[in-house]
Amino acid sequence: MKLARTILFIIVLSAVTAGITASKSLRGFNNLYMTVSTRVTINGISRWITLADMSPYRNFPTSPTQPTVNAGRPLYTSVTLTWVTIGGVPYTYDAALGLPWTSTLVYDDEGQ
């Protein structure tokens, strides 16, 4: 009986943890992405592409007293996998998806 209670406790604890994590993602706790332009050369053919890169900012604080900062550039909440043919070879990269994050005041990642 004690083993059954222990297993039930672990299942309930896992469900509560999963629920908390899911509710955070539903509220929009996201890492943010910035766009970076770069030249990609394949088989002697080069092309400028604008891809999405993880930014050093988040849209949620990592501590209760963390102040906001001004990112100074457009940041995005999501990316999509995109492909293009360069020099006859398909090349895939992450591109920013949708509109920029609505606020320029974000939280610094603080090296985490």
C-alpha atoms as a PDB file:
ATOM      1  CA  MET A   1       0.000   0.000   0.000  1.00  0.00           C
ATOM      2  CA  LYS A   2       2.852   2.367   0.799  1.00  0.00           C
ATOM      3  CA  LEU A   3       4.417   1.716  -2.621  1.00  0.00           C
ATOM      4  CA  ALA A   4       1.099   2.536  -4.302  1.00  0.00           C
ATOM      5  CA  ARG A   5       0.871   5.858  -2.418  1.00  0.00           C
ATOM      6  CA  THR A   6       4.433   6.727  -3.386  1.00  0.00           C
ATOM      7  CA  ILE A   7       3.767   5.995  -7.054  1.00  0.00           C
ATOM      8  CA  LEU A   8       0.510   7.955  -6.947  1.00  0.00           C
ATOM      9  CA  PHE A   9       2.323  10.892  -5.304  1.00  0.00           C
ATOM     10  CA  ILE A  10       4.967  10.873  -8.068  1.00  0.00           C
ATOM     11  CA  ILE A  11       2.263  10.814 -10.763  1.00  0.00           C
ATOM     12  CA  VAL A  12       0.378  13.719  -9.159  1.00  0.00           C
ATOM     13  CA  LEU A  13       3.591  15.713  -8.707  1.00  0.00           C
ATOM     14  CA  SER A  14       4.504  15.140 -12.375  1.00  0.00           C
ATOM     15  CA  ALA A  15       1.043  16.249 -13.499  1.00  0.00           C
ATOM     16  CA  VAL A  16       1.228  19.430 -11.423  1.00  0.00           C
ATOM     17  CA  THR A  17       4.700  20.244 -12.788  1.00  0.00           C
ATOM     18  CA  ALA A  18       3.533  19.652 -16.365  1.00  0.00           C
ATOM     19  CA  GLY A  19       0.473  21.856 -15.770  1.00  0.00           C
ATOM     20  CA  ILE A  20       2.594  24.718 -14.451  1.00  0.00           C
ATOM     21  CA  THR A  21       4.952  24.454 -17.423  1.00  0.00           C
ATOM     22  CA  ALA A  22       2.042  24.368 -19.881  1.00  0.00           C
ATOM     23  CA  SER A  23       0.360  27.385 -18.313  1.00  0.00           C
ATOM     24  CA  LYS A  24       3.608  29.385 -18.582  1.00  0.00           C
ATOM     25  CA  SER A  25       3.862  28.612 -22.285  1.00  0.00           C
ATOM     26  CA  LEU A  26       0.202  29.532 -22.821  1.00  0.00           C
ATOM     27  CA  ARG A  27       0.815  32.918 -21.200  1.00  0.00           C
ATOM     28  CA  GLY A  28       3.517  33.626 -23.766  1.00  0.00           C
ATOM     29  CA  PHE A  29       6.725  33.137 -21.808  1.00  0.00           C
ATOM     30  CA  ASN A  30       9.097  32.997 -24.763  1.00  0.00           C
ATOM     31  CA  ASN A  31      12.661  33.458 -25.703  1.00  0.00           C
ATOM     32  CA  LEU A  32      12.861  36.085 -28.407  1.00  0.00           C
ATOM     33  CA  TYR A  33      14.577  35.944 -31.792  1.00  0.00           C
ATOM     34  CA  MET A  34      16.318  38.649 -33.806  1.00  0.00           C
ATOM     35  CA  THR A  35      17.023  38.772 -37.525  1.00  0.00           C
ATOM     36  CA  VAL A  36      20.549  38.581 -38.918  1.00  0.00           C
ATOM     37  CA  SER A  37      21.496  39.089 -42.567  1.00  0.00           C
ATOM     38  CA  THR A  38      24.334  36.992 -43.917  1.00  0.00           C
ATOM     39  CA  ARG A  39      25.777  35.867 -47.229  1.00  0.00           C
ATOM     40  CA  VAL A  40      25.597  32.129 -47.970  1.00  0.00           C
ATOM     41  CA  THR A  41      27.816  30.722 -50.733  1.00  0.00           C
ATOM     42  CA  ILE A  42      27.259  27.231 -52.148  1.00  0.00           C
ATOM     43  CA  ASN A  43      28.902  25.926 -55.355  1.00  0.00           C
ATOM     44  CA  GLY A  44      30.264  29.400 -56.144  1.00  0.00           C
ATOM     45  CA  ILE A  45      26.836  31.050 -56.045  1.00  0.00           C
ATOM     46  CA  SER A  46      26.205  33.469 -53.191  1.00  0.00           C
ATOM     47  CA  ARG A  47      23.004  34.965 -51.859  1.00  0.00           C
ATOM     48  CA  TRP A  48      22.062  37.294 -49.007  1.00  0.00           C
ATOM     49  CA  ILE A  49      19.500  35.786 -46.661  1.00  0.00           C
ATOM     50  CA  THR A  50      17.893  37.109 -43.499  1.00  0.00           C
ATOM     51  CA  LEU A  51      17.651  34.425 -40.874  1.00  0.00           C
ATOM     52  CA  ALA A  52      16.399  34.309 -37.289  1.00  0.00           C
ATOM     53  CA  ASP A  53      18.867  33.918 -34.453  1.00  0.00           C
ATOM     54  CA  MET A  54      18.249  33.512 -30.720  1.00  0.00           C
ATOM     55  CA  SER A  55      18.408  36.947 -29.112  1.00  0.00           C
ATOM     56  CA  PRO A  56      19.900  37.684 -25.686  1.00  0.00           C
ATOM     57  CA  TYR A  57      16.452  38.823 -24.478  1.00  0.00           C
ATOM     58  CA  ARG A  58      13.269  37.232 -23.148  1.00  0.00           C
ATOM     59  CA  ASN A  59       9.726  38.511 -22.732  1.00  0.00           C
ATOM     60  CA  PHE A  60       9.607  37.337 -19.095  1.00  0.00           C
ATOM     61  CA  PRO A  61      11.806  38.100 -16.078  1.00  0.00           C
ATOM     62  CA  THR A  62      14.181  35.504 -14.649  1.00  0.00           C
ATOM     63  CA  SER A  63      13.937  37.060 -11.186  1.00  0.00           C
ATOM     64  CA  PRO A  64      11.170  39.084  -9.491  1.00  0.00           C
ATOM     65  CA  THR A  65      13.267  42.268  -9.335  1.00  0.00           C
ATOM     66  CA  GLN A  66      14.752  42.146 -12.838  1.00  0.00           C
ATOM     67  CA  PRO A  67      14.377  45.503 -14.646  1.00  0.00           C
ATOM     68  CA  THR A  68      13.400  45.828 -18.295  1.00  0.00           C
ATOM     69  CA  VAL A  69      15.848  46.974 -20.956  1.00  0.00           C
ATOM     70  CA  ASN A  70      15.398  48.470 -24.413  1.00  0.00           C
ATOM     71  CA  ALA A  71      16.406  45.938 -27.072  1.00  0.00           C
ATOM     72  CA  GLY A  72      16.823  48.627 -29.717  1.00  0.00           C
ATOM     73  CA  ARG A  73      15.799  46.321 -32.563  1.00  0.00           C
ATOM     74  CA  PRO A  74      12.757  44.287 -33.615  1.00  0.00           C
ATOM     75  CA  LEU A  75      12.442  40.946 -31.843  1.00  0.00           C
ATOM     76  CA  TYR A  76      10.183  38.040 -32.788  1.00  0.00           C
ATOM     77  CA  THR A  77       8.498  35.320 -30.728  1.00  0.00           C
ATOM     78  CA  SER A  78       8.582  32.531 -33.294  1.00  0.00           C
ATOM     79  CA  VAL A  79      10.470  31.218 -36.290  1.00  0.00           C
ATOM     80  CA  THR A  80       9.690  28.961 -39.206  1.00  0.00           C
ATOM     81  CA  LEU A  81      11.924  26.614 -41.176  1.00  0.00           C
ATOM     82  CA  THR A  82      12.435  28.040 -44.672  1.00  0.00           C
ATOM     83  CA  TRP A  83      14.391  26.739 -47.623  1.00  0.00           C
ATOM     84  CA  VAL A  84      15.961  28.300 -50.683  1.00  0.00           C
ATOM     85  CA  THR A  85      18.025  26.930 -53.560  1.00  0.00           C
ATOM     86  CA  ILE A  86      21.548  28.363 -53.752  1.00  0.00           C
ATOM     87  CA  GLY A  87      23.893  27.092 -56.449  1.00  0.00           C
ATOM     88  CA  GLY A  88      21.517  24.227 -57.223  1.00  0.00           C
ATOM     89  CA  VAL A  89      21.556  22.964 -53.628  1.00  0.00           C
ATOM     90  CA  PRO A  90      18.609  23.347 -51.228  1.00  0.00           C
ATOM     91  CA  TYR A  91      19.534  25.317 -48.104  1.00  0.00           C
ATOM     92  CA  THR A  92      17.326  25.464 -45.005  1.00  0.00           C
ATOM     93  CA  TYR A  93      17.327  28.144 -42.328  1.00  0.00           C
ATOM     94  CA  ASP A  94      15.097  29.600 -39.623  1.00  0.00           C
ATOM     95  CA  ALA A  95      13.259  32.784 -40.621  1.00  0.00           C
ATOM     96  CA  ALA A  96      11.383  35.109 -38.273  1.00  0.00           C
ATOM     97  CA  LEU A  97       7.653  34.478 -38.318  1.00  0.00           C
ATOM     98  CA  GLY A  98       4.910  37.039 -37.887  1.00  0.00           C
ATOM     99  CA  LEU A  99       4.941  40.517 -36.459  1.00  0.00           C
ATOM    100  CA  PRO A 100       7.674  41.818 -34.152  1.00  0.00           C
ATOM    101  CA  TRP A 101       7.206  41.633 -30.392  1.00  0.00           C
ATOM    102  CA  THR A 102       4.934  44.530 -29.465  1.00  0.00           C
ATOM    103  CA  SER A 103       7.167  46.083 -26.800  1.00  0.00           C
ATOM    104  CA  THR A 104      10.759  47.281 -26.998  1.00  0.00           C
ATOM    105  CA  LEU A 105      11.044  46.808 -23.228  1.00  0.00           C
ATOM    106  CA  VAL A 106      12.224  43.246 -22.637  1.00  0.00           C
ATOM    107  CA  TYR A 107      14.270  41.350 -20.071  1.00  0.00           C
ATOM    108  CA  ASP A 108      17.985  40.663 -20.521  1.00  0.00           C
ATOM    109  CA  ASP A 109      18.897  36.976 -20.615  1.00  0.00           C
ATOM    110  CA  GLU A 110      21.639  37.670 -18.024  1.00  0.00           C
ATOM    111  CA  GLY A 111      23.902  34.990 -19.492  1.00  0.00           C
ATOM    112  CA  GLN A 112      21.608  32.118 -18.575  1.00  0.00           C
END
